[in-house]
Amino acid sequence: MCRRCNSDRLLELARLDGEDHTVYRCLDCGFLFSPPAGLAGGANVQPAAAPINSEEAR
């Protein structure tokens, strides 16, 4: 759930490295955030398209 507008419409952004935190973009207000560990998005979260390699994602 978005911490700014409480929307549950989120987009999970691709990680550049396996050690990166999961980051979400709210599809309603555009807010970017990384939730505390264990508090990932819910049923309305759209997964990110995985980059072929980390250089391609940059």
C-alpha atoms as a PDB file:
ATOM      1  CA  MET A   1       0.000   0.000   0.000  1.00  0.00           C
ATOM      2  CA  CYS A   2       1.312   3.446  -0.929  1.00  0.00           C
ATOM      3  CA  ARG A   3       2.512   5.422   2.069  1.00  0.00           C
ATOM      4  CA  ARG A   4       1.494   8.721   0.467  1.00  0.00           C
ATOM      5  CA  CYS A   5      -2.035   8.103  -0.875  1.00  0.00           C
ATOM      6  CA  ASN A   6      -2.906   4.623   0.512  1.00  0.00           C
ATOM      7  CA  SER A   7      -3.498   3.211  -2.992  1.00  0.00           C
ATOM      8  CA  ASP A   8      -2.949  -0.500  -3.476  1.00  0.00           C
ATOM      9  CA  ARG A   9      -2.167  -0.109  -7.213  1.00  0.00           C
ATOM     10  CA  LEU A  10       1.622  -0.541  -7.254  1.00  0.00           C
ATOM     11  CA  LEU A  11       4.286  -1.374  -9.809  1.00  0.00           C
ATOM     12  CA  GLU A  12       7.307  -3.329  -8.602  1.00  0.00           C
ATOM     13  CA  LEU A  13      10.449  -1.856 -10.185  1.00  0.00           C
ATOM     14  CA  ALA A  14      13.290  -4.027 -11.481  1.00  0.00           C
ATOM     15  CA  ARG A  15      16.329  -4.554  -9.259  1.00  0.00           C
ATOM     16  CA  LEU A  16      19.730  -3.823 -10.758  1.00  0.00           C
ATOM     17  CA  ASP A  17      21.429  -6.172  -8.328  1.00  0.00           C
ATOM     18  CA  GLY A  18      20.190  -9.098  -6.242  1.00  0.00           C
ATOM     19  CA  GLU A  19      21.146  -7.224  -3.073  1.00  0.00           C
ATOM     20  CA  ASP A  20      18.983  -4.175  -3.889  1.00  0.00           C
ATOM     21  CA  HIS A  21      15.822  -3.465  -1.928  1.00  0.00           C
ATOM     22  CA  THR A  22      12.472  -3.914  -3.643  1.00  0.00           C
ATOM     23  CA  VAL A  23      11.133  -0.547  -4.815  1.00  0.00           C
ATOM     24  CA  TYR A  24       7.545   0.191  -5.784  1.00  0.00           C
ATOM     25  CA  ARG A  25       5.947   3.031  -7.759  1.00  0.00           C
ATOM     26  CA  CYS A  26       2.368   3.978  -6.931  1.00  0.00           C
ATOM     27  CA  LEU A  27       0.298   3.961 -10.117  1.00  0.00           C
ATOM     28  CA  ASP A  28      -2.027   6.635  -8.707  1.00  0.00           C
ATOM     29  CA  CYS A  29       0.325   9.316  -7.326  1.00  0.00           C
ATOM     30  CA  GLY A  30       3.752   8.207  -8.670  1.00  0.00           C
ATOM     31  CA  PHE A  31       5.381   7.956  -5.225  1.00  0.00           C
ATOM     32  CA  LEU A  32       8.499   5.723  -5.089  1.00  0.00           C
ATOM     33  CA  PHE A  33       9.125   3.785  -1.907  1.00  0.00           C
ATOM     34  CA  SER A  34      10.758   0.708  -0.454  1.00  0.00           C
ATOM     35  CA  PRO A  35       8.646  -0.887   2.278  1.00  0.00           C
ATOM     36  CA  PRO A  36      10.179  -2.318   5.456  1.00  0.00           C
ATOM     37  CA  ALA A  37      11.374  -5.924   5.144  1.00  0.00           C
ATOM     38  CA  GLY A  38       8.491  -8.380   5.054  1.00  0.00           C
ATOM     39  CA  LEU A  39       5.877  -5.787   4.089  1.00  0.00           C
ATOM     40  CA  ALA A  40       5.783  -6.198   0.310  1.00  0.00           C
ATOM     41  CA  GLY A  41       2.827  -5.259  -1.884  1.00  0.00           C
ATOM     42  CA  GLY A  42      -0.446  -7.132  -2.151  1.00  0.00           C
ATOM     43  CA  ALA A  43      -2.611  -8.625  -4.869  1.00  0.00           C
ATOM     44  CA  ASN A  44      -2.658  -5.462  -7.029  1.00  0.00           C
ATOM     45  CA  VAL A  45       1.136  -5.247  -7.389  1.00  0.00           C
ATOM     46  CA  GLN A  46       2.353  -5.561 -10.968  1.00  0.00           C
ATOM     47  CA  PRO A  47       5.744  -7.319 -11.138  1.00  0.00           C
ATOM     48  CA  ALA A  48       8.648  -5.681 -12.913  1.00  0.00           C
ATOM     49  CA  ALA A  49      10.002  -6.979 -16.184  1.00  0.00           C
ATOM     50  CA  ALA A  50      13.365  -8.552 -15.421  1.00  0.00           C
ATOM     51  CA  PRO A  51      16.302  -7.002 -17.290  1.00  0.00           C
ATOM     52  CA  ILE A  52      18.530  -9.371 -19.243  1.00  0.00           C
ATOM     53  CA  ASN A  53      21.569  -8.027 -17.395  1.00  0.00           C
ATOM     54  CA  SER A  54      22.283  -5.218 -14.966  1.00  0.00           C
ATOM     55  CA  GLU A  55      24.061  -3.059 -17.580  1.00  0.00           C
ATOM     56  CA  GLU A  56      20.981  -3.127 -19.823  1.00  0.00           C
ATOM     57  CA  ALA A  57      18.825  -1.844 -16.947  1.00  0.00           C
ATOM     58  CA  ARG A  58      21.094   1.175 -16.372  1.00  0.00           C
END
